[in-house]
Amino acid sequence: MKAVKVFGTALLCVSLVGLMGAVPPSHSDGLKASQTDSTSKAKSFVGSWTCSASKSEELPQGQGKLTMSVNDSPTFSKDGKVRASGNMTLKSPKFDAKWTMQGGGSWRVAGGEFCSTLAELTMEAANADARRLEEQMGRAMADSIPKGQESCEEIIEASATRYVTKDKKAGVITRCTRK
């Protein structure tokens, strides 16, 4: 369980910060976001999106695979604020832990990257496996997610109705569609 705890917390820290403030498309012609200026990109960020991200890794010593999935609905405002709600799942051969989450923060565009800062996050264990995992960790899952630290993701695809970003450190791909 120690390996699960370390991997899960590290993966969550990297992935949730980016996902709770995921980047919308920069324009409608399908060009890469880095090909336009930051001001024009920011204008098209305003609105509501549906996003998903997941990552799987093999656990050590043949313990199986750990998969983290996040489904999220961020809404970006023109003043650079973001609010989001969604759910997260951590699944392995030994557990299928689920949480609901809500949060908020700020966002900005810097060249071909979207940068966000998570200011607040509330997560509630949605099943017994999540409650057991938090008990084994000795803290609530939300306490494992850093707040107040800016995280930037590369914009790898953007259109008027869809965008894709990549967290360079964790390799997590986030896919979003406009609501």
C-alpha atoms as a PDB file:
ATOM      1  CA  MET A   1       0.000   0.000   0.000  1.00  0.00           C
ATOM      2  CA  LYS A   2       2.964   2.337   0.535  1.00  0.00           C
ATOM      3  CA  ALA A   3       3.736   2.371  -3.213  1.00  0.00           C
ATOM      4  CA  VAL A   4       0.113   3.140  -3.985  1.00  0.00           C
ATOM      5  CA  LYS A   5       0.124   6.032  -1.525  1.00  0.00           C
ATOM      6  CA  VAL A   6       3.298   7.608  -2.918  1.00  0.00           C
ATOM      7  CA  PHE A   7       2.324   7.170  -6.580  1.00  0.00           C
ATOM      8  CA  GLY A   8      -1.246   8.288  -6.027  1.00  0.00           C
ATOM      9  CA  THR A   9      -0.330  11.432  -4.157  1.00  0.00           C
ATOM     10  CA  ALA A  10       2.367  12.447  -6.654  1.00  0.00           C
ATOM     11  CA  LEU A  11       0.117  11.784  -9.634  1.00  0.00           C
ATOM     12  CA  LEU A  12      -2.746  13.696  -8.074  1.00  0.00           C
ATOM     13  CA  CYS A  13      -0.610  16.685  -7.243  1.00  0.00           C
ATOM     14  CA  VAL A  14       0.526  17.039 -10.821  1.00  0.00           C
ATOM     15  CA  SER A  15      -2.720  16.127 -12.550  1.00  0.00           C
ATOM     16  CA  LEU A  16      -5.407  17.824 -10.511  1.00  0.00           C
ATOM     17  CA  VAL A  17      -3.777  21.207 -10.464  1.00  0.00           C
ATOM     18  CA  GLY A  18      -3.712  21.227 -14.240  1.00  0.00           C
ATOM     19  CA  LEU A  19      -7.128  19.738 -14.731  1.00  0.00           C
ATOM     20  CA  MET A  20      -8.964  22.023 -12.335  1.00  0.00           C
ATOM     21  CA  GLY A  21      -7.771  24.869 -14.496  1.00  0.00           C
ATOM     22  CA  ALA A  22      -7.511  23.260 -17.911  1.00  0.00           C
ATOM     23  CA  VAL A  23      -7.007  25.433 -20.972  1.00  0.00           C
ATOM     24  CA  PRO A  24      -9.691  26.182 -23.553  1.00  0.00           C
ATOM     25  CA  PRO A  25      -8.974  26.524 -27.252  1.00  0.00           C
ATOM     26  CA  SER A  26      -7.297  29.619 -28.514  1.00  0.00           C
ATOM     27  CA  HIS A  27      -9.215  30.131 -31.761  1.00  0.00           C
ATOM     28  CA  SER A  28     -11.560  28.430 -34.171  1.00  0.00           C
ATOM     29  CA  ASP A  29      -9.297  27.767 -37.143  1.00  0.00           C
ATOM     30  CA  GLY A  30      -7.508  24.779 -35.580  1.00  0.00           C
ATOM     31  CA  LEU A  31      -4.026  26.342 -35.514  1.00  0.00           C
ATOM     32  CA  LYS A  32      -1.762  25.465 -32.629  1.00  0.00           C
ATOM     33  CA  ALA A  33      -2.268  27.855 -29.747  1.00  0.00           C
ATOM     34  CA  SER A  34       1.382  28.956 -29.814  1.00  0.00           C
ATOM     35  CA  GLN A  35       0.764  30.523 -33.237  1.00  0.00           C
ATOM     36  CA  THR A  36      -1.447  33.301 -31.866  1.00  0.00           C
ATOM     37  CA  ASP A  37      -0.805  36.005 -29.300  1.00  0.00           C
ATOM     38  CA  SER A  38      -1.730  35.548 -25.644  1.00  0.00           C
ATOM     39  CA  THR A  39      -4.341  38.311 -25.591  1.00  0.00           C
ATOM     40  CA  SER A  40      -6.438  36.839 -28.379  1.00  0.00           C
ATOM     41  CA  LYS A  41      -6.119  33.362 -26.856  1.00  0.00           C
ATOM     42  CA  ALA A  42      -7.390  34.519 -23.507  1.00  0.00           C
ATOM     43  CA  LYS A  43     -10.595  35.947 -25.013  1.00  0.00           C
ATOM     44  CA  SER A  44     -11.689  32.538 -26.319  1.00  0.00           C
ATOM     45  CA  PHE A  45     -11.068  30.836 -22.958  1.00  0.00           C
ATOM     46  CA  VAL A  46     -14.227  32.220 -21.417  1.00  0.00           C
ATOM     47  CA  GLY A  47     -16.959  29.602 -21.121  1.00  0.00           C
ATOM     48  CA  SER A  48     -17.759  26.118 -19.840  1.00  0.00           C
ATOM     49  CA  TRP A  49     -15.977  22.895 -20.755  1.00  0.00           C
ATOM     50  CA  THR A  50     -16.101  19.163 -20.044  1.00  0.00           C
ATOM     51  CA  CYS A  51     -12.655  17.637 -19.487  1.00  0.00           C
ATOM     52  CA  SER A  52     -11.158  14.229 -18.780  1.00  0.00           C
ATOM     53  CA  ALA A  53      -7.699  12.921 -18.007  1.00  0.00           C
ATOM     54  CA  SER A  54      -6.315   9.577 -16.947  1.00  0.00           C
ATOM     55  CA  LYS A  55      -3.011   7.888 -16.335  1.00  0.00           C
ATOM     56  CA  SER A  56      -2.070   4.297 -15.568  1.00  0.00           C
ATOM     57  CA  GLU A  57       1.165   2.874 -14.227  1.00  0.00           C
ATOM     58  CA  GLU A  58       2.314  -0.541 -13.147  1.00  0.00           C
ATOM     59  CA  LEU A  59       2.826  -0.832  -9.413  1.00  0.00           C
ATOM     60  CA  PRO A  60       6.071  -2.371  -8.131  1.00  0.00           C
ATOM     61  CA  GLN A  61       6.510  -6.052  -7.309  1.00  0.00           C
ATOM     62  CA  GLY A  62       3.664  -7.264  -9.512  1.00  0.00           C
ATOM     63  CA  GLN A  63       0.918  -5.527  -7.529  1.00  0.00           C
ATOM     64  CA  GLY A  64      -0.959  -4.711 -10.742  1.00  0.00           C
ATOM     65  CA  LYS A  65      -1.863  -1.431 -12.366  1.00  0.00           C
ATOM     66  CA  LEU A  66      -2.944   1.804 -10.697  1.00  0.00           C
ATOM     67  CA  THR A  67      -5.190   4.047 -12.792  1.00  0.00           C
ATOM     68  CA  MET A  68      -6.192   7.580 -11.932  1.00  0.00           C
ATOM     69  CA  SER A  69      -9.095   9.201 -13.820  1.00  0.00           C
ATOM     70  CA  VAL A  70     -10.451  12.722 -13.461  1.00  0.00           C
ATOM     71  CA  ASN A  71     -13.619  14.073 -15.081  1.00  0.00           C
ATOM     72  CA  ASP A  72     -14.114  17.753 -14.595  1.00  0.00           C
ATOM     73  CA  SER A  73     -16.276  20.695 -15.724  1.00  0.00           C
ATOM     74  CA  PRO A  74     -14.321  23.958 -15.537  1.00  0.00           C
ATOM     75  CA  THR A  75     -15.858  27.354 -16.260  1.00  0.00           C
ATOM     76  CA  PHE A  76     -13.431  30.155 -17.171  1.00  0.00           C
ATOM     77  CA  SER A  77     -14.338  33.795 -16.627  1.00  0.00           C
ATOM     78  CA  LYS A  78     -12.875  36.767 -18.468  1.00  0.00           C
ATOM     79  CA  ASP A  79     -11.341  38.100 -15.253  1.00  0.00           C
ATOM     80  CA  GLY A  80      -8.935  35.115 -15.139  1.00  0.00           C
ATOM     81  CA  LYS A  81     -10.852  33.083 -12.560  1.00  0.00           C
ATOM     82  CA  VAL A  82     -11.889  29.440 -12.911  1.00  0.00           C
ATOM     83  CA  ARG A  83     -14.448  27.324 -11.011  1.00  0.00           C
ATOM     84  CA  ALA A  84     -14.712  23.581 -11.536  1.00  0.00           C
ATOM     85  CA  SER A  85     -16.478  20.509 -10.254  1.00  0.00           C
ATOM     86  CA  GLY A  86     -16.036  16.861 -11.070  1.00  0.00           C
ATOM     87  CA  ASN A  87     -14.938  13.476  -9.820  1.00  0.00           C
ATOM     88  CA  MET A  88     -11.767  11.475  -9.436  1.00  0.00           C
ATOM     89  CA  THR A  89     -11.161   7.725  -9.317  1.00  0.00           C
ATOM     90  CA  LEU A  90      -8.103   5.762  -8.192  1.00  0.00           C
ATOM     91  CA  LYS A  91      -8.398   2.125  -9.194  1.00  0.00           C
ATOM     92  CA  SER A  92      -6.141  -0.875  -8.597  1.00  0.00           C
ATOM     93  CA  PRO A  93      -6.729  -4.613  -8.200  1.00  0.00           C
ATOM     94  CA  LYS A  94      -7.268  -3.953  -4.472  1.00  0.00           C
ATOM     95  CA  PHE A  95      -9.530  -0.901  -4.508  1.00  0.00           C
ATOM     96  CA  ASP A  96     -11.749   1.406  -6.570  1.00  0.00           C
ATOM     97  CA  ALA A  97     -11.708   4.721  -4.669  1.00  0.00           C
ATOM     98  CA  LYS A  98     -13.915   7.615  -5.789  1.00  0.00           C
ATOM     99  CA  TRP A  99     -14.138  11.283  -4.802  1.00  0.00           C
ATOM    100  CA  THR A 100     -16.273  14.244  -5.784  1.00  0.00           C
ATOM    101  CA  MET A 101     -14.494  17.578  -6.003  1.00  0.00           C
ATOM    102  CA  GLN A 102     -15.041  21.304  -6.381  1.00  0.00           C
ATOM    103  CA  GLY A 103     -12.455  24.003  -6.636  1.00  0.00           C
ATOM    104  CA  GLY A 104     -11.384  27.303  -7.952  1.00  0.00           C
ATOM    105  CA  GLY A 105      -8.419  29.417  -8.805  1.00  0.00           C
ATOM    106  CA  SER A 106      -6.947  31.537 -11.554  1.00  0.00           C
ATOM    107  CA  TRP A 107      -5.607  31.033 -15.063  1.00  0.00           C
ATOM    108  CA  ARG A 108      -3.476  32.823 -17.635  1.00  0.00           C
ATOM    109  CA  VAL A 109      -1.976  32.170 -21.049  1.00  0.00           C
ATOM    110  CA  ALA A 110       1.778  32.365 -21.559  1.00  0.00           C
ATOM    111  CA  GLY A 111       2.789  31.691 -25.153  1.00  0.00           C
ATOM    112  CA  GLY A 112       1.810  28.133 -26.068  1.00  0.00           C
ATOM    113  CA  GLU A 113       1.069  27.205 -22.471  1.00  0.00           C
ATOM    114  CA  PHE A 114      -1.874  27.526 -20.154  1.00  0.00           C
ATOM    115  CA  CYS A 115      -0.947  28.242 -16.542  1.00  0.00           C
ATOM    116  CA  SER A 116      -3.276  27.851 -13.578  1.00  0.00           C
ATOM    117  CA  THR A 117      -3.129  28.219  -9.834  1.00  0.00           C
ATOM    118  CA  LEU A 118      -5.437  26.172  -7.631  1.00  0.00           C
ATOM    119  CA  ALA A 119      -6.610  28.385  -4.765  1.00  0.00           C
ATOM    120  CA  GLU A 120      -9.191  26.123  -3.153  1.00  0.00           C
ATOM    121  CA  LEU A 121     -10.225  22.487  -3.399  1.00  0.00           C
ATOM    122  CA  THR A 122     -12.890  20.477  -1.636  1.00  0.00           C
ATOM    123  CA  MET A 123     -12.927  16.713  -2.094  1.00  0.00           C
ATOM    124  CA  GLU A 124     -15.332  14.270  -0.517  1.00  0.00           C
ATOM    125  CA  ALA A 125     -14.803  10.537  -0.383  1.00  0.00           C
ATOM    126  CA  ALA A 126     -17.678   9.044  -2.390  1.00  0.00           C
ATOM    127  CA  ASN A 127     -17.242   5.403  -1.374  1.00  0.00           C
ATOM    128  CA  ALA A 128     -15.782   3.133   1.312  1.00  0.00           C
ATOM    129  CA  ASP A 129     -12.550   2.508  -0.642  1.00  0.00           C
ATOM    130  CA  ALA A 130     -11.846   6.260  -0.754  1.00  0.00           C
ATOM    131  CA  ARG A 131     -12.486   6.607   2.972  1.00  0.00           C
ATOM    132  CA  ARG A 132     -10.148   3.644   3.693  1.00  0.00           C
ATOM    133  CA  LEU A 133      -7.433   5.078   1.464  1.00  0.00           C
ATOM    134  CA  GLU A 134      -7.612   8.452   3.211  1.00  0.00           C
ATOM    135  CA  GLU A 135      -7.450   6.681   6.565  1.00  0.00           C
ATOM    136  CA  GLN A 136      -4.326   4.782   5.477  1.00  0.00           C
ATOM    137  CA  MET A 137      -2.763   8.022   4.194  1.00  0.00           C
ATOM    138  CA  GLY A 138      -3.525   9.714   7.503  1.00  0.00           C
ATOM    139  CA  ARG A 139      -5.115  12.739   5.811  1.00  0.00           C
ATOM    140  CA  ALA A 140      -7.855  13.785   3.442  1.00  0.00           C
ATOM    141  CA  MET A 141      -7.023  13.461  -0.253  1.00  0.00           C
ATOM    142  CA  ALA A 142      -7.552  17.216  -0.750  1.00  0.00           C
ATOM    143  CA  ASP A 143      -4.685  17.838   1.694  1.00  0.00           C
ATOM    144  CA  SER A 144      -2.346  16.018  -0.727  1.00  0.00           C
ATOM    145  CA  ILE A 145      -2.984  18.514  -3.515  1.00  0.00           C
ATOM    146  CA  PRO A 146      -0.817  21.662  -3.433  1.00  0.00           C
ATOM    147  CA  LYS A 147      -2.648  24.960  -3.490  1.00  0.00           C
ATOM    148  CA  GLY A 148      -1.209  28.317  -4.425  1.00  0.00           C
ATOM    149  CA  GLN A 149       1.420  26.884  -6.820  1.00  0.00           C
ATOM    150  CA  GLU A 150       1.236  27.739 -10.493  1.00  0.00           C
ATOM    151  CA  SER A 151       1.190  24.812 -12.924  1.00  0.00           C
ATOM    152  CA  CYS A 152       1.627  25.172 -16.689  1.00  0.00           C
ATOM    153  CA  GLU A 153       0.599  22.733 -19.430  1.00  0.00           C
ATOM    154  CA  GLU A 154       1.548  22.695 -23.087  1.00  0.00           C
ATOM    155  CA  ILE A 155      -1.342  23.337 -25.485  1.00  0.00           C
ATOM    156  CA  ILE A 156      -0.989  20.545 -28.052  1.00  0.00           C
ATOM    157  CA  GLU A 157      -4.252  20.963 -29.947  1.00  0.00           C
ATOM    158  CA  ALA A 158      -6.967  23.616 -30.020  1.00  0.00           C
ATOM    159  CA  SER A 159     -10.152  24.397 -31.938  1.00  0.00           C
ATOM    160  CA  ALA A 160     -13.425  26.217 -31.232  1.00  0.00           C
ATOM    161  CA  THR A 161     -15.015  23.113 -29.717  1.00  0.00           C
ATOM    162  CA  ARG A 162     -12.115  21.059 -28.339  1.00  0.00           C
ATOM    163  CA  TYR A 163      -8.651  21.327 -26.860  1.00  0.00           C
ATOM    164  CA  VAL A 164      -5.899  19.024 -25.611  1.00  0.00           C
ATOM    165  CA  THR A 165      -3.131  19.877 -23.153  1.00  0.00           C
ATOM    166  CA  LYS A 166      -0.186  17.914 -21.806  1.00  0.00           C
ATOM    167  CA  ASP A 167       1.465  18.134 -18.436  1.00  0.00           C
ATOM    168  CA  LYS A 168       5.145  17.854 -19.337  1.00  0.00           C
ATOM    169  CA  LYS A 169       6.228  16.477 -15.942  1.00  0.00           C
ATOM    170  CA  ALA A 170       3.646  13.713 -15.490  1.00  0.00           C
ATOM    171  CA  GLY A 171       2.822  13.161 -19.163  1.00  0.00           C
ATOM    172  CA  VAL A 172      -0.887  13.413 -18.407  1.00  0.00           C
ATOM    173  CA  ILE A 173      -3.048  14.376 -21.402  1.00  0.00           C
ATOM    174  CA  THR A 174      -6.207  16.381 -20.727  1.00  0.00           C
ATOM    175  CA  ARG A 175      -8.972  16.370 -23.390  1.00  0.00           C
ATOM    176  CA  CYS A 176     -11.771  18.938 -23.240  1.00  0.00           C
ATOM    177  CA  THR A 177     -14.864  19.812 -25.249  1.00  0.00           C
ATOM    178  CA  ARG A 178     -16.975  22.941 -25.070  1.00  0.00           C
ATOM    179  CA  LYS A 179     -20.371  22.547 -23.370  1.00  0.00           C
END
